[in-house]
PDB file of N, CA and C in Angstrom:
ATOM      1  N   MET A   1     -13.423   2.797 -10.089  1.00  0.00           N
ATOM      2  CA  MET A   1     -14.546   1.950  -9.692  1.00  0.00           C
ATOM      3  C   MET A   1     -14.251   0.477 -10.066  1.00  0.00           C
ATOM      4  N   ILE A   2     -14.570  -0.433  -9.616  1.00  0.00           N
ATOM      5  CA  ILE A   2     -14.456  -1.842  -9.793  1.00  0.00           C
ATOM      6  C   ILE A   2     -15.837  -2.170 -10.346  1.00  0.00           C
ATOM      7  N   ASP A   3     -15.738  -2.800 -11.491  1.00  0.00           N
ATOM      8  CA  ASP A   3     -16.678  -3.352 -12.373  1.00  0.00           C
ATOM      9  C   ASP A   3     -16.994  -4.625 -11.944  1.00  0.00           C
ATOM     10  N   SER A   4     -18.313  -5.070 -11.522  1.00  0.00           N
ATOM     11  CA  SER A   4     -18.472  -6.421 -11.255  1.00  0.00           C
ATOM     12  C   SER A   4     -18.543  -7.551 -12.206  1.00  0.00           C
ATOM     13  N   ALA A   5     -18.657  -6.882 -13.404  1.00  0.00           N
ATOM     14  CA  ALA A   5     -18.676  -7.783 -14.849  1.00  0.00           C
ATOM     15  C   ALA A   5     -17.217  -8.119 -15.191  1.00  0.00           C
ATOM     16  N   ASP A   6     -16.384  -7.087 -14.783  1.00  0.00           N
ATOM     17  CA  ASP A   6     -15.003  -7.283 -15.466  1.00  0.00           C
ATOM     18  C   ASP A   6     -14.291  -8.445 -14.527  1.00  0.00           C
ATOM     19  N   ASN A   7     -13.837  -9.474 -15.390  1.00  0.00           N
ATOM     20  CA  ASN A   7     -13.162 -10.729 -14.802  1.00  0.00           C
ATOM     21  C   ASN A   7     -11.624 -10.475 -14.711  1.00  0.00           C
ATOM     22  N   VAL A   8     -11.250  -9.383 -14.980  1.00  0.00           N
ATOM     23  CA  VAL A   8      -9.771  -9.075 -15.039  1.00  0.00           C
ATOM     24  C   VAL A   8      -9.214  -8.156 -13.883  1.00  0.00           C
ATOM     25  N   THR A   9     -10.243  -6.909 -13.410  1.00  0.00           N
ATOM     26  CA  THR A   9     -10.000  -6.139 -12.211  1.00  0.00           C
ATOM     27  C   THR A   9     -10.295  -6.938 -10.903  1.00  0.00           C
ATOM     28  N   HIS A  10      -9.530  -6.925 -10.015  1.00  0.00           N
ATOM     29  CA  HIS A  10      -9.970  -7.202  -8.711  1.00  0.00           C
ATOM     30  C   HIS A  10      -9.693  -6.573  -7.715  1.00  0.00           C
ATOM     31  N   MET A  11     -10.424  -6.470  -6.515  1.00  0.00           N
ATOM     32  CA  MET A  11     -10.178  -5.595  -5.220  1.00  0.00           C
ATOM     33  C   MET A  11      -8.706  -6.039  -4.848  1.00  0.00           C
ATOM     34  N   LEU A  12      -8.179  -4.969  -4.338  1.00  0.00           N
ATOM     35  CA  LEU A  12      -6.637  -5.188  -3.689  1.00  0.00           C
ATOM     36  C   LEU A  12      -7.064  -5.548  -2.282  1.00  0.00           C
ATOM     37  N   PRO A  13      -6.279  -6.517  -1.689  1.00  0.00           N
ATOM     38  CA  PRO A  13      -6.378  -6.847  -0.361  1.00  0.00           C
ATOM     39  C   PRO A  13      -5.835  -5.810   0.538  1.00  0.00           C
ATOM     40  N   VAL A  14      -6.303  -5.066   1.366  1.00  0.00           N
ATOM     41  CA  VAL A  14      -5.703  -3.933   2.275  1.00  0.00           C
ATOM     42  C   VAL A  14      -5.571  -4.662   3.609  1.00  0.00           C
ATOM     43  N   THR A  15      -4.279  -4.579   4.033  1.00  0.00           N
ATOM     44  CA  THR A  15      -3.923  -5.412   5.304  1.00  0.00           C
ATOM     45  C   THR A  15      -3.250  -4.419   6.313  1.00  0.00           C
ATOM     46  N   GLY A  16      -3.416  -3.171   5.951  1.00  0.00           N
ATOM     47  CA  GLY A  16      -2.425  -2.006   6.992  1.00  0.00           C
ATOM     48  C   GLY A  16      -2.622  -0.752   6.126  1.00  0.00           C
ATOM     49  N   PRO A  17      -2.291   0.238   6.966  1.00  0.00           N
ATOM     50  CA  PRO A  17      -2.254   1.555   6.261  1.00  0.00           C
ATOM     51  C   PRO A  17      -1.687   1.588   4.951  1.00  0.00           C
ATOM     52  N   MET A  18      -2.069   2.528   4.003  1.00  0.00           N
ATOM     53  CA  MET A  18      -1.552   2.540   2.833  1.00  0.00           C
ATOM     54  C   MET A  18      -0.701   3.831   2.744  1.00  0.00           C
ATOM     55  N   ARG A  19      -1.120   4.962   3.542  1.00  0.00           N
ATOM     56  CA  ARG A  19      -0.170   6.321   3.624  1.00  0.00           C
ATOM     57  C   ARG A  19      -0.392   6.499   5.195  1.00  0.00           C
ATOM     58  N   LEU A  20       0.886   7.099   5.363  1.00  0.00           N
ATOM     59  CA  LEU A  20       0.906   7.626   6.817  1.00  0.00           C
ATOM     60  C   LEU A  20       1.707   9.018   6.946  1.00  0.00           C
ATOM     61  N   ASN A  21       1.109   9.827   7.430  1.00  0.00           N
ATOM     62  CA  ASN A  21       1.314  11.333   7.457  1.00  0.00           C
ATOM     63  C   ASN A  21       1.947  11.700   8.794  1.00  0.00           C
ATOM     64  N   PHE A  22       3.035  12.342   8.985  1.00  0.00           N
ATOM     65  CA  PHE A  22       3.978  12.665  10.086  1.00  0.00           C
ATOM     66  C   PHE A  22       4.065  14.230  10.285  1.00  0.00           C
ATOM     67  N   HIS A  23       4.151  14.660  11.324  1.00  0.00           N
ATOM     68  CA  HIS A  23       4.533  16.283  11.319  1.00  0.00           C
ATOM     69  C   HIS A  23       5.308  16.499  12.858  1.00  0.00           C
ATOM     70  N   THR A  24       5.964  17.543  12.964  1.00  0.00           N
ATOM     71  CA  THR A  24       6.485  17.928  14.037  1.00  0.00           C
ATOM     72  C   THR A  24       5.804  19.248  14.458  1.00  0.00           C
ATOM     73  N   ASP A  25       5.837  19.110  15.996  1.00  0.00           N
ATOM     74  CA  ASP A  25       5.196  20.496  16.718  1.00  0.00           C
ATOM     75  C   ASP A  25       6.194  21.539  16.728  1.00  0.00           C
ATOM     76  N   GLU A  26       7.358  21.522  16.322  1.00  0.00           N
ATOM     77  CA  GLU A  26       8.178  22.845  16.319  1.00  0.00           C
ATOM     78  C   GLU A  26       7.486  24.105  16.006  1.00  0.00           C
ATOM     79  N   PRO A  27       7.479  25.110  16.957  1.00  0.00           N
ATOM     80  CA  PRO A  27       6.642  26.525  16.565  1.00  0.00           C
ATOM     81  C   PRO A  27       7.341  27.177  15.408  1.00  0.00           C
ATOM     82  N   ASP A  28       8.565  27.240  15.151  1.00  0.00           N
ATOM     83  CA  ASP A  28       8.987  28.105  14.194  1.00  0.00           C
ATOM     84  C   ASP A  28       9.409  27.346  13.041  1.00  0.00           C
ATOM     85  N   ALA A  29       9.460  26.041  13.056  1.00  0.00           N
ATOM     86  CA  ALA A  29       9.753  25.192  11.754  1.00  0.00           C
ATOM     87  C   ALA A  29       9.350  23.875  11.725  1.00  0.00           C
ATOM     88  N   ALA A  30       7.900  23.848  11.635  1.00  0.00           N
ATOM     89  CA  ALA A  30       7.296  22.541  11.595  1.00  0.00           C
ATOM     90  C   ALA A  30       7.718  21.833  10.406  1.00  0.00           C
ATOM     91  N   ARG A  31       7.862  20.414  10.334  1.00  0.00           N
ATOM     92  CA  ARG A  31       8.198  19.586   9.250  1.00  0.00           C
ATOM     93  C   ARG A  31       6.972  18.429   8.998  1.00  0.00           C
ATOM     94  N   VAL A  32       6.904  18.174   7.657  1.00  0.00           N
ATOM     95  CA  VAL A  32       5.937  17.189   7.316  1.00  0.00           C
ATOM     96  C   VAL A  32       6.433  16.020   6.537  1.00  0.00           C
ATOM     97  N   PHE A  33       6.276  14.711   6.973  1.00  0.00           N
ATOM     98  CA  PHE A  33       6.609  13.642   6.171  1.00  0.00           C
ATOM     99  C   PHE A  33       5.495  12.854   5.599  1.00  0.00           C
ATOM    100  N   VAL A  34       5.499  12.322   4.493  1.00  0.00           N
ATOM    101  CA  VAL A  34       4.427  11.353   3.938  1.00  0.00           C
ATOM    102  C   VAL A  34       5.121  10.223   3.432  1.00  0.00           C
ATOM    103  N   ALA A  35       4.527   8.876   3.837  1.00  0.00           N
ATOM    104  CA  ALA A  35       4.991   7.624   3.142  1.00  0.00           C
ATOM    105  C   ALA A  35       3.846   7.203   2.473  1.00  0.00           C
ATOM    106  N   ASP A  36       3.705   6.714   1.616  1.00  0.00           N
ATOM    107  CA  ASP A  36       2.474   6.087   0.644  1.00  0.00           C
ATOM    108  C   ASP A  36       3.066   4.828   0.023  1.00  0.00           C
ATOM    109  N   LEU A  37       2.188   3.946   0.095  1.00  0.00           N
ATOM    110  CA  LEU A  37       2.447   2.808  -0.770  1.00  0.00           C
ATOM    111  C   LEU A  37       1.025   2.549  -1.738  1.00  0.00           C
ATOM    112  N   ASN A  38       1.376   2.318  -3.018  1.00  0.00           N
ATOM    113  CA  ASN A  38       0.241   1.966  -3.805  1.00  0.00           C
ATOM    114  C   ASN A  38       1.059   1.184  -4.926  1.00  0.00           C
ATOM    115  N   GLN A  39       0.103   1.047  -6.029  1.00  0.00           N
ATOM    116  CA  GLN A  39       0.583   0.127  -7.178  1.00  0.00           C
ATOM    117  C   GLN A  39       0.388   1.082  -8.204  1.00  0.00           C
ATOM    118  N   ASP A  40       1.515   0.839  -9.198  1.00  0.00           N
ATOM    119  CA  ASP A  40       1.565   1.745 -10.320  1.00  0.00           C
ATOM    120  C   ASP A  40       0.580   1.152 -11.599  1.00  0.00           C
ATOM    121  N   LEU A  41       0.710   1.623 -12.592  1.00  0.00           N
ATOM    122  CA  LEU A  41      -0.151   1.057 -13.713  1.00  0.00           C
ATOM    123  C   LEU A  41       0.429  -0.144 -14.325  1.00  0.00           C
ATOM    124  N   LEU A  42       1.535  -0.538 -13.935  1.00  0.00           N
ATOM    125  CA  LEU A  42       2.006  -1.663 -14.490  1.00  0.00           C
ATOM    126  C   LEU A  42       1.989  -2.835 -13.609  1.00  0.00           C
ATOM    127  N   GLY A  43       1.605  -2.557 -12.560  1.00  0.00           N
ATOM    128  CA  GLY A  43       1.431  -3.681 -11.368  1.00  0.00           C
ATOM    129  C   GLY A  43       2.741  -3.817 -10.175  1.00  0.00           C
ATOM    130  N   ASP A  44       3.554  -2.711 -10.331  1.00  0.00           N
ATOM    131  CA  ASP A  44       4.593  -2.675  -9.536  1.00  0.00           C
ATOM    132  C   ASP A  44       4.299  -1.933  -8.281  1.00  0.00           C
ATOM    133  N   TRP A  45       4.675  -2.444  -7.083  1.00  0.00           N
ATOM    134  CA  TRP A  45       4.230  -1.853  -5.767  1.00  0.00           C
ATOM    135  C   TRP A  45       5.355  -0.882  -5.638  1.00  0.00           C
ATOM    136  N   ILE A  46       5.102   0.372  -5.251  1.00  0.00           N
ATOM    137  CA  ILE A  46       6.126   1.525  -4.931  1.00  0.00           C
ATOM    138  C   ILE A  46       5.638   2.059  -3.683  1.00  0.00           C
ATOM    139  N   VAL A  47       6.844   2.666  -2.926  1.00  0.00           N
ATOM    140  CA  VAL A  47       6.791   3.413  -1.619  1.00  0.00           C
ATOM    141  C   VAL A  47       7.095   4.699  -2.098  1.00  0.00           C
ATOM    142  N   THR A  48       6.319   5.813  -2.043  1.00  0.00           N
ATOM    143  CA  THR A  48       6.609   7.207  -2.302  1.00  0.00           C
ATOM    144  C   THR A  48       6.782   8.047  -0.946  1.00  0.00           C
ATOM    145  N   LEU A  49       7.825   8.462  -0.548  1.00  0.00           N
ATOM    146  CA  LEU A  49       8.028   9.385   0.387  1.00  0.00           C
ATOM    147  C   LEU A  49       8.270  10.720   0.056  1.00  0.00           C
ATOM    148  N   SER A  50       7.612  11.798   0.753  1.00  0.00           N
ATOM    149  CA  SER A  50       7.776  13.191   0.489  1.00  0.00           C
ATOM    150  C   SER A  50       7.855  13.972   1.574  1.00  0.00           C
ATOM    151  N   TRP A  51       8.518  14.804   1.737  1.00  0.00           N
ATOM    152  CA  TRP A  51       8.947  15.643   2.909  1.00  0.00           C
ATOM    153  C   TRP A  51       8.716  17.065   2.637  1.00  0.00           C
ATOM    154  N   ASP A  52       8.474  18.084   3.433  1.00  0.00           N
ATOM    155  CA  ASP A  52       8.714  19.510   3.393  1.00  0.00           C
ATOM    156  C   ASP A  52       8.917  20.034   4.837  1.00  0.00           C
ATOM    157  N   GLY A  53       9.418  21.254   5.069  1.00  0.00           N
ATOM    158  CA  GLY A  53       9.779  21.641   6.353  1.00  0.00           C
ATOM    159  C   GLY A  53      10.171  23.023   6.407  1.00  0.00           C
ATOM    160  N   LYS A  54      11.592  23.078   7.396  1.00  0.00           N
ATOM    161  CA  LYS A  54      11.991  24.170   7.628  1.00  0.00           C
ATOM    162  C   LYS A  54      12.229  25.269   6.684  1.00  0.00           C
ATOM    163  N   PRO A  55      11.938  26.632   6.843  1.00  0.00           N
ATOM    164  CA  PRO A  55      11.867  27.484   5.660  1.00  0.00           C
ATOM    165  C   PRO A  55      13.321  27.556   4.978  1.00  0.00           C
ATOM    166  N   GLN A  56      14.651  27.232   5.417  1.00  0.00           N
ATOM    167  CA  GLN A  56      15.737  27.091   4.914  1.00  0.00           C
ATOM    168  C   GLN A  56      15.816  25.956   4.177  1.00  0.00           C
ATOM    169  N   VAL A  57      15.129  24.745   4.266  1.00  0.00           N
ATOM    170  CA  VAL A  57      15.464  23.657   3.617  1.00  0.00           C
ATOM    171  C   VAL A  57      14.196  23.320   2.475  1.00  0.00           C
ATOM    172  N   ARG A  58      14.544  22.659   1.538  1.00  0.00           N
ATOM    173  CA  ARG A  58      13.415  22.538   0.369  1.00  0.00           C
ATOM    174  C   ARG A  58      12.947  21.213   0.735  1.00  0.00           C
ATOM    175  N   GLY A  59      11.448  21.155   0.411  1.00  0.00           N
ATOM    176  CA  GLY A  59      10.945  19.716   0.226  1.00  0.00           C
ATOM    177  C   GLY A  59      11.594  18.705  -0.855  1.00  0.00           C
ATOM    178  N   GLY A  60      11.168  17.524  -0.448  1.00  0.00           N
ATOM    179  CA  GLY A  60      11.731  16.505  -1.650  1.00  0.00           C
ATOM    180  C   GLY A  60      10.920  15.285  -1.490  1.00  0.00           C
ATOM    181  N   GLY A  61      11.333  14.304  -2.350  1.00  0.00           N
ATOM    182  CA  GLY A  61      10.712  12.998  -2.499  1.00  0.00           C
ATOM    183  C   GLY A  61      11.530  12.057  -2.912  1.00  0.00           C
ATOM    184  N   ARG A  62      11.071  11.020  -2.840  1.00  0.00           N
ATOM    185  CA  ARG A  62      11.895   9.579  -3.383  1.00  0.00           C
ATOM    186  C   ARG A  62      10.756   8.514  -3.717  1.00  0.00           C
ATOM    187  N   VAL A  63      10.980   7.820  -4.600  1.00  0.00           N
ATOM    188  CA  VAL A  63      10.167   6.701  -5.080  1.00  0.00           C
ATOM    189  C   VAL A  63      11.021   5.380  -5.023  1.00  0.00           C
ATOM    190  N   THR A  64      10.419   4.348  -4.227  1.00  0.00           N
ATOM    191  CA  THR A  64      11.298   3.151  -4.292  1.00  0.00           C
ATOM    192  C   THR A  64      10.200   1.953  -4.534  1.00  0.00           C
ATOM    193  N   VAL A  65      10.827   1.016  -5.740  1.00  0.00           N
ATOM    194  CA  VAL A  65      10.017   0.092  -6.112  1.00  0.00           C
ATOM    195  C   VAL A  65      10.195  -1.083  -5.110  1.00  0.00           C
ATOM    196  N   VAL A  66       9.132  -1.726  -4.646  1.00  0.00           N
ATOM    197  CA  VAL A  66       9.273  -3.015  -3.750  1.00  0.00           C
ATOM    198  C   VAL A  66       8.833  -4.253  -4.175  1.00  0.00           C
ATOM    199  N   ASP A  67       9.326  -5.180  -3.703  1.00  0.00           N
ATOM    200  CA  ASP A  67       8.905  -6.560  -4.291  1.00  0.00           C
ATOM    201  C   ASP A  67       7.587  -6.878  -4.572  1.00  0.00           C
ATOM    202  N   ASP A  68       6.852  -6.486  -3.320  1.00  0.00           N
ATOM    203  CA  ASP A  68       5.327  -7.047  -3.057  1.00  0.00           C
ATOM    204  C   ASP A  68       4.754  -6.029  -2.090  1.00  0.00           C
ATOM    205  N   GLN A  69       3.367  -6.282  -1.819  1.00  0.00           N
ATOM    206  CA  GLN A  69       2.848  -5.330  -0.934  1.00  0.00           C
ATOM    207  C   GLN A  69       3.235  -5.465   0.361  1.00  0.00           C
ATOM    208  N   GLU A  70       3.502  -6.590   0.817  1.00  0.00           N
ATOM    209  CA  GLU A  70       4.095  -6.937   1.990  1.00  0.00           C
ATOM    210  C   GLU A  70       5.361  -6.362   2.435  1.00  0.00           C
ATOM    211  N   ALA A  71       6.258  -6.312   1.481  1.00  0.00           N
ATOM    212  CA  ALA A  71       7.672  -5.728   1.518  1.00  0.00           C
ATOM    213  C   ALA A  71       7.395  -4.290   1.564  1.00  0.00           C
ATOM    214  N   GLY A  72       6.406  -3.643   1.042  1.00  0.00           N
ATOM    215  CA  GLY A  72       5.907  -2.264   1.249  1.00  0.00           C
ATOM    216  C   GLY A  72       5.456  -2.000   2.574  1.00  0.00           C
ATOM    217  N   PHE A  73       4.751  -2.665   3.040  1.00  0.00           N
ATOM    218  CA  PHE A  73       4.219  -2.293   4.368  1.00  0.00           C
ATOM    219  C   PHE A  73       5.154  -2.507   5.476  1.00  0.00           C
ATOM    220  N   LYS A  74       6.068  -3.599   5.472  1.00  0.00           N
ATOM    221  CA  LYS A  74       7.396  -3.616   6.175  1.00  0.00           C
ATOM    222  C   LYS A  74       8.309  -2.398   6.147  1.00  0.00           C
ATOM    223  N   MET A  75       8.453  -2.054   4.874  1.00  0.00           N
ATOM    224  CA  MET A  75       9.269  -0.656   4.607  1.00  0.00           C
ATOM    225  C   MET A  75       8.662   0.617   5.434  1.00  0.00           C
ATOM    226  N   ILE A  76       7.236   0.527   5.126  1.00  0.00           N
ATOM    227  CA  ILE A  76       6.677   1.933   5.739  1.00  0.00           C
ATOM    228  C   ILE A  76       6.621   1.791   7.234  1.00  0.00           C
ATOM    229  N   GLN A  77       6.523   0.492   8.032  1.00  0.00           N
ATOM    230  CA  GLN A  77       6.513   0.322   9.285  1.00  0.00           C
ATOM    231  C   GLN A  77       8.020   0.620   9.961  1.00  0.00           C
ATOM    232  N   LYS A  78       8.963   0.187   9.362  1.00  0.00           N
ATOM    233  CA  LYS A  78      10.297   0.684   9.707  1.00  0.00           C
ATOM    234  C   LYS A  78      10.455   2.306   9.587  1.00  0.00           C
ATOM    235  N   ILE A  79      10.042   2.915   8.418  1.00  0.00           N
ATOM    236  CA  ILE A  79      10.039   4.288   8.472  1.00  0.00           C
ATOM    237  C   ILE A  79       9.420   5.115   9.679  1.00  0.00           C
ATOM    238  N   ALA A  80       8.225   4.553   9.852  1.00  0.00           N
ATOM    239  CA  ALA A  80       7.331   5.170  10.929  1.00  0.00           C
ATOM    240  C   ALA A  80       7.998   5.038  12.356  1.00  0.00           C
ATOM    241  N   GLN A  81       8.895   3.849  12.588  1.00  0.00           N
ATOM    242  CA  GLN A  81       9.442   3.768  13.798  1.00  0.00           C
ATOM    243  C   GLN A  81      10.567   4.732  13.951  1.00  0.00           C
ATOM    244  N   LYS A  82      11.207   4.956  12.662  1.00  0.00           N
ATOM    245  CA  LYS A  82      12.230   5.903  12.959  1.00  0.00           C
ATOM    246  C   LYS A  82      11.755   7.360  13.005  1.00  0.00           C
ATOM    247  N   LYS A  83      10.703   7.692  12.334  1.00  0.00           N
ATOM    248  CA  LYS A  83      10.158   9.107  12.182  1.00  0.00           C
ATOM    249  C   LYS A  83       9.643   9.406  14.080  1.00  0.00           C
ATOM    250  N   GLU A  84       9.004   8.433  14.436  1.00  0.00           N
ATOM    251  CA  GLU A  84       8.582   8.641  15.694  1.00  0.00           C
ATOM    252  C   GLU A  84       9.714   8.784  16.845  1.00  0.00           C
ATOM    253  N   LYS A  85      10.711   7.957  16.616  1.00  0.00           N
ATOM    254  CA  LYS A  85      11.801   8.140  17.274  1.00  0.00           C
ATOM    255  C   LYS A  85      12.643   9.697  17.170  1.00  0.00           C
ATOM    256  N   SER A  86      12.255  10.216  16.052  1.00  0.00           N
ATOM    257  CA  SER A  86      13.053  11.570  15.536  1.00  0.00           C
ATOM    258  C   SER A  86      12.152  12.691  16.174  1.00  0.00           C
ATOM    259  N   GLY A  87      10.954  12.398  16.758  1.00  0.00           N
ATOM    260  CA  GLY A  87      10.189  13.382  17.151  1.00  0.00           C
ATOM    261  C   GLY A  87       8.724  13.932  16.380  1.00  0.00           C
ATOM    262  N   TYR A  88       8.432  12.926  15.325  1.00  0.00           N
ATOM    263  CA  TYR A  88       7.426  13.327  14.441  1.00  0.00           C
ATOM    264  C   TYR A  88       6.219  12.667  15.048  1.00  0.00           C
ATOM    265  N   ARG A  89       5.269  13.155  14.908  1.00  0.00           N
ATOM    266  CA  ARG A  89       3.943  12.435  15.365  1.00  0.00           C
ATOM    267  C   ARG A  89       3.100  12.251  14.255  1.00  0.00           C
ATOM    268  N   LEU A  90       2.392  10.963  14.342  1.00  0.00           N
ATOM    269  CA  LEU A  90       1.463  10.310  13.268  1.00  0.00           C
ATOM    270  C   LEU A  90      -0.027  11.209  13.232  1.00  0.00           C
ATOM    271  N   VAL A  91      -0.374  11.585  12.193  1.00  0.00           N
ATOM    272  CA  VAL A  91      -1.601  12.658  12.170  1.00  0.00           C
ATOM    273  C   VAL A  91      -2.692  11.508  11.474  1.00  0.00           C
TER     274      VAL A  91
END
């Protein structure tokens, strides 16, 4: 919660989606992919990727530190384009 009396804490400007959820419609092996942009406690912007899917493949994840919020949005947009080309659907 943002305290209006607090002169240090400010609302973050949100200019696009902070989290994208994708999945495939394969009947026997649906896959899920999540791309999340947020700021950690030190103020660094991070992109967190998570995936899970086919029974024979384990899920996983990756965390990438980006320069700023805009760089994170650009990274998520590129990921979204690649996933949609690969047959994933935005949920």
